[in-house]
Amino acid sequence: MSVVSSTVSGMSTAAVMEAGEEIDLPDAAAPHAAAAADAATDDAPAAAAADDVTVRLDETLDWLHSLVSVRGVDAGLVGDAARIDRIAVCERLQASLEAVKAVEMVAFAQSQSAEQMRLGVHPGKIGSGIADQIALACKVSPSEGSRRLHVARDLVLDMPHLLDLLATGEIGGWTTRLIVGQLSHLDRATRSRLDAELAGKDLGSMGARQAETTAKRLAYQADPVAATERARKARKDRRVTLRPAPDTMSLLTGLLPVEQGVACYAALDAAAKTAKAAGDTRSRGQIMADTLVARLTGQEKAEDTGFEVGVIMPLGTLLDPNDPRPAEIIGQDLLPADLIRQLIKDAEARCWWRRLFTRPTGDGGHLIVDADKRRRQFSSWLAHLIRGRDKICRDPFCGAPIRHLDHIHRHADGGAATAENGRGVCERGNYIRELPGWTVQTIDTDTHTVEITTPTGHHYRSRPPQPP
């Protein structure tokens, strides 16, 4: 374990363009609707304010907010049956909004792809950055933006019956996403044919998983070869991921071929049964988790973690047993002071530390600004400093691990390799900023606030997380 002490000093939308179809939008919804519906921006272009659809949606949003503000409409004046009716209508309204978003996403993707072609973007990069703009507007990660755009493309261009069921609230957004996912590998003609067939299956009466299974069965019957190829491709995508979980826990997930997953679980289950039979007092789940860690790392006990784990903590937390301030595992989760002190004690000689220095910012927070240097690229101590300061990708709403250290003022334009001019980003974020219309600049050096401007003129800001 390494302890760092802080002192107080796209989706490619070529397929969309290849579809060669125009989406029939109402006159009021024409081209600016998608860009205008951006509640996540600090500044929206003036053109958005003039869009009638956006204005009406904003008015609806204000009205809905007023219902929430009074904590129950017509309190005591309506019966519970009426309230259930309202809940049901709200659910249908939510589904209908998902359909509207899908239409806008595809129209936006078509327009942006055409604009990129006009600007002379390399054919292999046509479509890049489109899902990223959608993600920023929806306040989700770029990968989630890509998934949403993929679903919207298939739904709007090839599955009009399913789109209509979603627009009328007969099925929900999650059910729609599951169904579209089961048909995504099929050719467009087959997808459209199955869409018509699914429309007669009374999807509105099914649960989400039942609807997904129905779509999966139809897809296999329609094209067994494509289903087999899809399964082969999925096996190539096997991987392991790590995500933070509540209460200082984490989720280590292996996406494996089904027979391998079953074999792994069976081996852990057998180990738990053997240990319990020998009188082990741990629960079955605890034994399986500890066995997994021990077998993966090759150590004797799960607690003997011998790999580097970056931890940022106030110096007082490290030295003062009464200091309650928490520590933080970089990019993961907060750890209570007593727990981190116990982990450091257990690590004994395998623990090393490097000081990070902070300074107060004008808004009352702190910013990591320097690091011990012991230990033209961002390298060595400077790379460690930027990663420790930013923790995860600095693009708004992304949350992916830092893969690249980006010059905010480009190195090719004379930007220096300094902490002030650096930001930690994911690989995708670093490449997207090089596309036409994207700019990145520091607008507040005191808090290291960075502003991203997208091709539509929307602005999004980010700043480093507060150090513990």
Protein backbone atom coordinates (compact mmCIF):
# COMPACT_ATOMS: atom_id res chain seq x y z
CA MET A 1 0.00 0.00 0.00
CA SER A 2 1.29 3.46 -0.84
CA VAL A 3 0.12 6.30 1.36
CA VAL A 4 0.29 9.86 0.07
CA SER A 5 0.07 12.50 2.75
CA SER A 6 -1.54 15.84 1.97
CA THR A 7 -0.15 18.71 4.02
CA VAL A 8 -1.96 21.94 4.79
CA SER A 9 0.52 24.43 3.23
CA GLY A 10 -18.55 7.37 -30.14
CA MET A 11 -20.00 6.18 -31.14
CA SER A 12 -19.18 6.37 -34.86
CA THR A 13 -22.36 7.48 -36.58
CA ALA A 14 -21.35 6.43 -40.08
CA ALA A 15 -24.14 3.88 -39.85
CA VAL A 16 -26.60 6.68 -39.23
CA MET A 17 -25.48 8.48 -42.36
CA GLU A 18 -25.46 5.27 -44.38
CA ALA A 19 -29.08 4.71 -43.48
CA GLY A 20 -29.85 7.60 -45.81
CA GLU A 21 -33.12 8.34 -44.05
CA GLU A 22 -34.50 11.62 -42.88
CA ILE A 23 -36.42 11.71 -39.64
CA ASP A 24 -39.87 13.25 -39.91
CA LEU A 25 -39.87 15.85 -37.15
CA PRO A 26 -42.61 18.36 -36.44
CA ASP A 27 -41.83 21.81 -37.76
CA ALA A 28 -41.38 23.14 -34.24
CA ALA A 29 -38.77 20.50 -33.49
CA ALA A 30 -36.47 21.22 -36.40
CA PRO A 31 -32.76 21.46 -36.11
CA HIS A 32 -32.09 23.34 -32.89
CA ALA A 33 -34.17 21.17 -30.55
CA ALA A 34 -31.42 18.76 -29.57
CA ALA A 35 -28.84 21.46 -28.95
CA ALA A 36 -31.39 23.62 -27.19
CA ALA A 37 -32.53 20.95 -24.75
CA ASP A 38 -29.34 21.31 -22.75
CA ALA A 39 -30.16 21.83 -19.11
CA ALA A 40 -26.66 20.72 -18.13
CA THR A 41 -24.76 23.63 -19.64
CA ASP A 42 -23.48 26.70 -17.88
CA ASP A 43 -24.25 28.77 -20.98
CA ALA A 44 -26.52 27.75 -23.82
CA PRO A 45 -26.37 29.45 -27.20
CA ALA A 46 -28.85 32.26 -27.71
CA ALA A 47 -30.52 30.28 -30.51
CA ALA A 48 -31.74 27.73 -27.97
CA ALA A 49 -33.89 30.31 -26.20
CA ALA A 50 -35.84 30.93 -29.41
CA ASP A 51 -36.75 27.28 -29.97
CA ASP A 52 -40.45 26.77 -29.27
CA VAL A 53 -40.14 23.11 -28.27
CA THR A 54 -37.46 23.91 -25.72
CA VAL A 55 -39.54 26.75 -24.28
CA ARG A 56 -42.57 24.51 -23.88
CA LEU A 57 -40.51 21.75 -22.29
CA ASP A 58 -38.97 24.26 -19.90
CA GLU A 59 -42.46 25.46 -18.95
CA THR A 60 -43.52 21.87 -18.31
CA LEU A 61 -40.41 21.32 -16.22
CA ASP A 62 -41.22 24.39 -14.11
CA TRP A 63 -44.79 23.17 -13.61
CA LEU A 64 -43.62 19.72 -12.54
CA HIS A 65 -41.15 21.32 -10.16
CA SER A 66 -44.01 23.26 -8.58
CA LEU A 67 -45.83 19.96 -7.92
CA VAL A 68 -42.79 18.60 -6.11
CA SER A 69 -42.35 21.81 -4.13
CA VAL A 70 -45.74 21.44 -2.43
CA ARG A 71 -44.93 17.80 -1.50
CA GLY A 72 -48.13 16.31 -2.87
CA VAL A 73 -50.74 17.95 -5.07
CA ASP A 74 -54.13 18.68 -3.52
CA ALA A 75 -53.09 17.15 -0.21
CA GLY A 76 -56.09 15.52 1.42
CA LEU A 77 -58.42 16.45 -1.47
CA VAL A 78 -57.98 13.41 -3.68
CA GLY A 79 -58.12 9.71 -2.96
CA ASP A 80 -55.31 7.18 -3.18
CA ALA A 81 -56.74 5.74 -6.40
CA ALA A 82 -56.24 9.12 -8.07
CA ARG A 83 -52.67 9.24 -6.83
CA ILE A 84 -51.94 5.83 -8.32
CA ASP A 85 -53.37 7.14 -11.61
CA ARG A 86 -51.01 10.11 -11.41
CA ILE A 87 -48.03 7.83 -10.75
CA ALA A 88 -48.96 5.72 -13.77
CA VAL A 89 -49.26 8.79 -16.00
CA CYS A 90 -45.88 10.06 -14.75
CA GLU A 91 -44.34 6.73 -15.75
CA ARG A 92 -45.87 6.99 -19.22
CA LEU A 93 -44.70 10.58 -19.51
CA GLN A 94 -41.16 9.52 -18.62
CA ALA A 95 -41.27 6.87 -21.37
CA SER A 96 -42.61 9.39 -23.87
CA LEU A 97 -39.75 11.76 -23.10
CA GLU A 98 -37.31 8.92 -23.80
CA ALA A 99 -38.86 8.57 -27.26
CA VAL A 100 -38.53 12.30 -27.88
CA LYS A 101 -34.88 12.21 -26.83
CA ALA A 102 -34.20 9.29 -29.16
CA VAL A 103 -35.61 11.18 -32.14
CA GLU A 104 -33.60 14.28 -31.27
CA MET A 105 -30.39 12.30 -30.79
CA VAL A 106 -30.57 10.73 -34.24
CA ALA A 107 -31.48 14.02 -35.92
CA PHE A 108 -28.55 15.65 -34.12
CA ALA A 109 -26.19 12.83 -35.17
CA GLN A 110 -27.21 13.14 -38.81
CA SER A 111 -26.77 16.90 -38.79
CA GLN A 112 -23.40 16.75 -37.03
CA SER A 113 -22.10 14.02 -39.35
CA ALA A 114 -23.04 16.12 -42.36
CA GLU A 115 -21.30 19.13 -40.80
CA GLN A 116 -18.14 17.11 -40.15
CA MET A 117 -18.11 15.98 -43.77
CA ARG A 118 -18.47 19.60 -44.87
CA LEU A 119 -15.52 20.58 -42.67
CA GLY A 120 -13.35 17.91 -44.24
CA VAL A 121 -12.98 15.65 -41.21
CA HIS A 122 -11.16 12.43 -42.11
CA PRO A 123 -13.73 9.80 -43.22
CA GLY A 124 -12.52 7.42 -40.53
CA LYS A 125 -13.40 9.99 -37.87
CA ILE A 126 -16.84 11.03 -39.13
CA GLY A 127 -19.19 10.65 -36.18
CA SER A 128 -16.54 11.10 -33.48
CA GLY A 129 -17.53 13.48 -30.72
CA ILE A 130 -21.26 13.31 -31.42
CA ALA A 131 -22.08 10.87 -28.63
CA ASP A 132 -19.78 12.91 -26.35
CA GLN A 133 -21.90 16.02 -26.88
CA ILE A 134 -25.04 14.02 -26.13
CA ALA A 135 -23.39 12.66 -22.99
CA LEU A 136 -22.55 16.14 -21.74
CA ALA A 137 -26.13 17.31 -22.34
CA CYS A 138 -27.49 14.26 -20.46
CA LYS A 139 -24.85 14.48 -17.69
CA VAL A 140 -23.65 10.93 -18.28
CA SER A 141 -20.32 9.39 -19.24
CA PRO A 142 -19.19 9.31 -22.91
CA SER A 143 -19.55 5.53 -23.03
CA GLU A 144 -23.14 5.82 -21.78
CA GLY A 145 -23.75 8.53 -24.37
CA SER A 146 -22.54 6.12 -27.07
CA ARG A 147 -24.85 3.39 -25.81
CA ARG A 148 -27.82 5.75 -25.84
CA LEU A 149 -27.06 6.90 -29.37
CA HIS A 150 -26.70 3.31 -30.61
CA VAL A 151 -30.11 2.44 -29.15
CA ALA A 152 -31.69 5.61 -30.52
CA ARG A 153 -30.32 4.92 -34.01
CA ASP A 154 -31.75 1.40 -34.19
CA LEU A 155 -35.02 2.44 -32.58
CA VAL A 156 -35.75 5.53 -34.66
CA LEU A 157 -34.50 4.33 -38.05
CA ASP A 158 -35.58 0.68 -37.98
CA MET A 159 -38.16 0.05 -35.26
CA PRO A 160 -41.11 2.45 -35.63
CA HIS A 161 -43.59 0.20 -33.82
CA LEU A 162 -41.41 -0.06 -30.73
CA LEU A 163 -40.76 3.68 -30.88
CA ASP A 164 -44.50 4.31 -30.92
CA LEU A 165 -45.05 2.03 -27.92
CA LEU A 166 -42.40 3.99 -26.05
CA ALA A 167 -43.84 7.36 -27.13
CA THR A 168 -47.30 6.42 -25.85
CA GLY A 169 -45.91 5.05 -22.61
CA GLU A 170 -47.01 1.46 -23.23
CA ILE A 171 -43.48 0.27 -22.46
CA GLY A 172 -40.71 1.93 -20.48
CA GLY A 173 -37.27 3.12 -21.47
CA TRP A 174 -35.42 0.25 -19.80
CA THR A 175 -37.60 -2.37 -21.51
CA THR A 176 -37.03 -0.64 -24.84
CA ARG A 177 -33.28 -0.62 -24.34
CA LEU A 178 -33.22 -4.34 -23.55
CA ILE A 179 -35.29 -5.22 -26.62
CA VAL A 180 -33.23 -3.07 -28.98
CA GLY A 181 -30.05 -4.59 -27.57
CA GLN A 182 -31.24 -8.08 -28.51
CA LEU A 183 -31.80 -7.01 -32.13
CA SER A 184 -28.77 -4.77 -32.60
CA HIS A 185 -26.68 -7.39 -34.44
CA LEU A 186 -29.28 -8.03 -37.14
CA ASP A 187 -29.43 -6.38 -40.53
CA ARG A 188 -31.84 -3.49 -40.86
CA ALA A 189 -34.49 -5.34 -42.85
CA THR A 190 -34.64 -8.18 -40.32
CA ARG A 191 -34.73 -5.74 -37.43
CA SER A 192 -37.69 -3.93 -38.99
CA ARG A 193 -39.53 -7.20 -39.64
CA LEU A 194 -39.10 -8.33 -36.03
CA ASP A 195 -40.20 -4.90 -34.83
CA ALA A 196 -43.56 -5.44 -36.52
CA GLU A 197 -43.78 -8.94 -35.06
CA LEU A 198 -42.96 -7.73 -31.55
CA ALA A 199 -45.71 -5.11 -31.81
CA GLY A 200 -48.25 -7.95 -31.71
CA LYS A 201 -46.76 -9.58 -28.61
CA ASP A 202 -48.48 -7.33 -26.04
CA LEU A 203 -45.16 -6.07 -24.69
CA GLY A 204 -46.96 -3.67 -22.37
CA SER A 205 -48.13 -6.57 -20.21
CA MET A 206 -44.64 -8.10 -19.89
CA GLY A 207 -41.89 -7.42 -17.41
CA ALA A 208 -38.62 -6.06 -18.76
CA ARG A 209 -36.78 -9.41 -18.67
CA GLN A 210 -39.70 -11.30 -20.23
CA ALA A 211 -39.81 -8.78 -23.08
CA GLU A 212 -36.04 -9.12 -23.53
CA THR A 213 -36.30 -12.91 -23.67
CA THR A 214 -39.09 -12.68 -26.24
CA ALA A 215 -36.95 -10.44 -28.45
CA LYS A 216 -33.92 -12.70 -27.99
CA ARG A 217 -35.88 -15.78 -29.06
CA LEU A 218 -37.23 -14.06 -32.16
CA ALA A 219 -33.76 -12.79 -33.08
CA TYR A 220 -32.29 -16.27 -32.87
CA GLN A 221 -35.09 -17.78 -34.95
CA ALA A 222 -34.67 -15.07 -37.58
CA ASP A 223 -30.91 -15.50 -37.98
CA PRO A 224 -29.18 -18.30 -36.01
CA VAL A 225 -25.88 -17.61 -37.77
CA ALA A 226 -25.87 -13.96 -36.69
CA ALA A 227 -26.72 -14.99 -33.12
CA THR A 228 -23.79 -17.42 -33.10
CA GLU A 229 -21.42 -14.76 -34.43
CA ARG A 230 -22.68 -12.33 -31.79
CA ALA A 231 -21.86 -14.88 -29.09
CA ARG A 232 -18.36 -15.38 -30.53
CA LYS A 233 -17.77 -11.64 -30.55
CA ALA A 234 -18.99 -11.32 -26.96
CA ARG A 235 -16.38 -13.86 -25.87
CA LYS A 236 -13.67 -11.68 -27.39
CA ASP A 237 -14.92 -8.82 -25.22
CA ARG A 238 -14.25 -10.65 -21.95
CA ARG A 239 -12.73 -8.34 -19.35
CA VAL A 240 -12.41 -7.44 -15.68
CA THR A 241 -13.60 -4.12 -14.26
CA LEU A 242 -13.44 -2.42 -10.88
CA ARG A 243 -16.05 0.03 -9.58
CA PRO A 244 -16.51 1.67 -6.20
CA ALA A 245 -19.36 0.45 -4.00
CA PRO A 246 -20.89 2.03 -0.87
CA ASP A 247 -19.23 1.89 2.55
CA THR A 248 -15.57 1.51 1.48
CA MET A 249 -16.29 -1.54 -0.69
CA SER A 250 -15.67 -2.20 -4.38
CA LEU A 251 -17.14 -4.32 -7.17
CA LEU A 252 -14.60 -6.49 -9.02
CA THR A 253 -16.47 -7.85 -12.01
CA GLY A 254 -15.35 -10.41 -14.54
CA LEU A 255 -17.27 -10.56 -17.82
CA LEU A 256 -16.57 -14.17 -18.80
CA PRO A 257 -17.90 -16.88 -21.11
CA VAL A 258 -20.76 -18.51 -19.24
CA GLU A 259 -19.04 -21.87 -18.71
CA GLN A 260 -15.96 -20.15 -17.27
CA GLY A 261 -18.06 -17.99 -14.98
CA VAL A 262 -19.94 -21.04 -13.70
CA ALA A 263 -16.64 -22.90 -13.16
CA CYS A 264 -15.12 -20.01 -11.20
CA TYR A 265 -18.18 -19.69 -8.98
CA ALA A 266 -18.31 -23.45 -8.41
CA ALA A 267 -14.64 -23.49 -7.34
CA LEU A 268 -15.21 -20.68 -4.84
CA ASP A 269 -18.37 -22.35 -3.57
CA ALA A 270 -16.51 -25.63 -3.09
CA ALA A 271 -13.76 -23.85 -1.16
CA ALA A 272 -16.37 -22.26 1.09
CA LYS A 273 -18.07 -25.58 1.77
CA THR A 274 -14.73 -27.22 2.62
CA ALA A 275 -13.77 -24.39 4.96
CA LYS A 276 -17.17 -24.42 6.69
CA ALA A 277 -16.96 -28.19 7.15
CA ALA A 278 -13.59 -27.69 8.84
CA GLY A 279 -15.14 -25.26 11.33
CA ASP A 280 -14.38 -21.89 9.70
CA THR A 281 -16.51 -19.25 11.46
CA ARG A 282 -16.65 -16.85 8.52
CA SER A 283 -19.83 -16.71 6.46
CA ARG A 284 -20.00 -18.51 3.13
CA GLY A 285 -19.86 -15.19 1.28
CA GLN A 286 -16.84 -14.01 3.28
CA ILE A 287 -14.94 -17.22 2.57
CA MET A 288 -15.66 -17.01 -1.15
CA ALA A 289 -14.56 -13.34 -1.30
CA ASP A 290 -11.38 -14.00 0.69
CA THR A 291 -10.56 -17.07 -1.42
CA LEU A 292 -11.00 -15.02 -4.60
CA VAL A 293 -8.53 -12.39 -3.40
CA ALA A 294 -6.02 -14.96 -2.16
CA ARG A 295 -6.06 -16.97 -5.40
CA LEU A 296 -5.85 -13.94 -7.67
CA THR A 297 -2.96 -12.32 -5.81
CA GLY A 298 -1.15 -15.51 -4.81
CA GLN A 299 -1.01 -14.44 -1.19
CA GLU A 300 -1.81 -16.60 1.79
CA LYS A 301 -4.49 -14.35 3.26
CA ALA A 302 -6.82 -11.81 1.66
CA GLU A 303 -5.61 -9.13 4.09
CA ASP A 304 -1.99 -9.42 2.85
CA THR A 305 -2.52 -7.05 -0.08
CA GLY A 306 0.92 -6.50 -1.55
CA PHE A 307 0.11 -4.29 -4.53
CA GLU A 308 0.23 -0.53 -4.73
CA VAL A 309 -2.93 1.26 -3.62
CA GLY A 310 -2.80 5.06 -3.86
CA VAL A 311 -4.27 6.76 -0.79
CA ILE A 312 -4.58 10.50 -0.20
CA MET A 313 -5.02 11.62 3.39
CA PRO A 314 -4.46 14.72 5.53
CA LEU A 315 -1.20 14.63 7.46
CA GLY A 316 -3.16 14.97 10.70
CA THR A 317 -5.15 11.82 9.96
CA LEU A 318 -1.89 9.91 9.57
CA LEU A 319 -0.26 11.21 12.75
CA ASP A 320 -3.11 12.08 15.14
CA PRO A 321 -5.25 9.13 16.34
CA ASN A 322 -8.02 11.60 17.24
CA ASP A 323 -8.16 13.31 13.83
CA PRO A 324 -11.51 12.24 12.25
CA ARG A 325 -10.82 13.45 8.71
CA PRO A 326 -11.17 10.63 6.14
CA ALA A 327 -8.67 9.45 3.55
CA GLU A 328 -9.40 8.60 -0.07
CA ILE A 329 -8.31 5.77 -2.33
CA ILE A 330 -7.57 7.59 -5.59
CA GLY A 331 -10.52 7.39 -7.94
CA GLN A 332 -12.50 5.07 -5.65
CA ASP A 333 -13.94 5.89 -2.25
CA LEU A 334 -13.50 7.65 1.07
CA LEU A 335 -12.13 5.66 4.00
CA PRO A 336 -12.92 6.57 7.63
CA ALA A 337 -9.90 7.80 9.58
CA ASP A 338 -9.81 4.89 12.04
CA LEU A 339 -10.07 2.35 9.23
CA ILE A 340 -7.23 3.83 7.15
CA ARG A 341 -4.96 4.05 10.19
CA GLN A 342 -5.64 0.36 10.86
CA LEU A 343 -4.88 -0.54 7.22
CA ILE A 344 -1.58 1.36 7.39
CA LYS A 345 -0.68 -0.39 10.62
CA ASP A 346 -1.45 -3.78 9.07
CA ALA A 347 0.63 -2.94 5.99
CA GLU A 348 3.73 -2.40 8.18
CA ALA A 349 6.95 -2.25 6.12
CA ARG A 350 5.12 -2.48 2.80
CA CYS A 351 3.81 1.06 3.24
CA TRP A 352 5.53 4.10 1.71
CA TRP A 353 4.41 7.70 1.38
CA ARG A 354 4.96 10.84 -0.62
CA ARG A 355 3.80 14.28 0.47
CA LEU A 356 1.38 16.32 -1.61
CA PHE A 357 1.08 20.03 -0.90
CA THR A 358 -2.18 21.98 -1.03
CA ARG A 359 -3.11 25.63 -0.91
CA PRO A 360 -6.44 27.30 -0.07
CA THR A 361 -8.59 28.54 -2.97
CA GLY A 362 -10.65 31.70 -3.07
CA ASP A 363 -13.94 29.85 -2.54
CA GLY A 364 -12.80 28.27 0.71
CA GLY A 365 -11.61 24.93 -0.66
CA HIS A 366 -8.16 23.50 -1.27
CA LEU A 367 -6.22 22.50 -4.38
CA ILE A 368 -3.30 20.06 -4.65
CA VAL A 369 -0.50 22.10 -6.20
CA ASP A 370 2.82 20.30 -5.58
CA ALA A 371 4.40 17.03 -4.55
CA ASP A 372 7.69 15.64 -3.34
CA LYS A 373 9.86 15.22 -6.41
CA ARG A 374 11.56 12.12 -5.04
CA ARG A 375 10.20 9.28 -6.54
CA ARG A 376 8.45 17.41 -22.43
CA GLN A 377 5.96 14.61 -21.06
CA PHE A 378 4.15 14.73 -17.80
CA SER A 379 6.30 12.18 -16.05
CA SER A 380 7.58 11.05 -12.71
CA TRP A 381 6.51 13.32 -9.85
CA LEU A 382 4.49 15.70 -12.09
CA ALA A 383 2.40 12.88 -13.52
CA HIS A 384 1.88 11.58 -10.00
CA LEU A 385 0.80 15.05 -8.88
CA ILE A 386 -1.78 15.49 -11.68
CA ARG A 387 -3.20 12.01 -11.16
CA GLY A 388 -3.42 12.61 -7.41
CA ARG A 389 -5.11 15.97 -7.91
CA ASP A 390 -7.65 14.95 -10.58
CA LYS A 391 -8.21 11.31 -9.48
CA ILE A 392 -10.52 10.48 -12.44
CA CYS A 393 -11.06 11.87 -15.94
CA ARG A 394 -11.57 15.63 -15.76
CA ASP A 395 -14.20 15.69 -18.52
CA PRO A 396 -17.57 16.47 -16.87
CA PHE A 397 -19.67 13.42 -15.90
CA CYS A 398 -17.12 10.95 -17.33
CA GLY A 399 -15.70 9.20 -14.26
CA ALA A 400 -13.39 6.93 -16.26
CA PRO A 401 -9.85 6.19 -15.03
CA ILE A 402 -7.13 8.60 -16.12
CA ARG A 403 -5.27 7.20 -19.14
CA HIS A 404 -3.74 10.32 -20.68
CA LEU A 405 -2.25 13.52 -19.24
CA ASP A 406 -3.46 16.31 -21.50
CA HIS A 407 -1.93 19.74 -22.14
CA ILE A 408 -4.84 22.18 -21.71
CA HIS A 409 -2.93 24.68 -23.86
CA ARG A 410 -1.68 22.29 -26.52
CA HIS A 411 2.00 21.37 -26.49
CA ALA A 412 2.07 21.97 -30.27
CA ASP A 413 0.93 25.56 -29.59
CA GLY A 414 3.62 26.16 -26.99
CA GLY A 415 1.81 24.84 -23.90
CA ALA A 416 4.11 23.91 -21.05
CA ALA A 417 4.20 20.59 -19.20
CA THR A 418 3.15 22.00 -15.83
CA ALA A 419 0.55 21.06 -13.24
CA GLU A 420 -1.40 24.21 -14.08
CA ASN A 421 -1.50 23.33 -17.79
CA GLY A 422 -2.18 19.63 -17.24
CA ARG A 423 -5.33 17.64 -16.66
CA GLY A 424 -5.95 13.94 -16.34
CA VAL A 425 -8.37 12.53 -18.92
CA CYS A 426 -9.47 9.23 -20.35
CA GLU A 427 -8.12 8.16 -23.74
CA ARG A 428 -11.36 9.04 -25.49
CA GLY A 429 -11.53 12.52 -23.97
CA ASN A 430 -8.00 13.34 -25.09
CA TYR A 431 -8.74 12.39 -28.70
CA ILE A 432 -12.14 14.09 -28.90
CA ARG A 433 -10.74 17.52 -28.04
CA GLU A 434 -8.69 17.43 -31.26
CA LEU A 435 -11.82 17.46 -33.45
CA PRO A 436 -13.03 20.69 -35.11
CA GLY A 437 -15.16 22.90 -32.88
CA TRP A 438 -13.87 21.56 -29.53
CA THR A 439 -11.86 23.86 -27.26
CA VAL A 440 -10.45 23.44 -23.76
CA GLN A 441 -9.22 26.31 -21.60
CA THR A 442 -8.51 27.13 -17.97
CA ILE A 443 -10.88 29.87 -16.83
CA ASP A 444 -9.92 30.00 -13.15
CA THR A 445 -6.35 29.20 -12.16
CA ASP A 446 -7.17 29.56 -8.46
CA THR A 447 -9.42 26.48 -8.45
CA HIS A 448 -8.03 24.99 -11.70
CA THR A 449 -11.48 25.23 -13.28
CA VAL A 450 -11.40 24.06 -16.90
CA GLU A 451 -14.06 24.88 -19.49
CA ILE A 452 -14.88 22.69 -22.48
CA THR A 453 -16.69 24.23 -25.44
CA THR A 454 -18.43 21.87 -27.87
CA PRO A 455 -19.10 22.41 -31.60
CA THR A 456 -22.64 23.62 -30.83
CA GLY A 457 -21.27 26.38 -28.59
CA HIS A 458 -22.29 24.83 -25.26
CA HIS A 459 -19.94 25.22 -22.31
CA TYR A 460 -19.18 22.66 -19.56
CA ARG A 461 -16.89 23.18 -16.60
CA SER A 462 -14.95 20.92 -14.29
CA ARG A 463 -12.59 21.33 -11.38
CA PRO A 464 -10.55 18.84 -9.39
CA PRO A 465 -12.20 17.08 -6.46
CA GLN A 466 -11.50 18.57 -3.05
CA PRO A 467 -8.54 16.87 -1.34
CA PRO A 468 -9.42 15.21 1.96
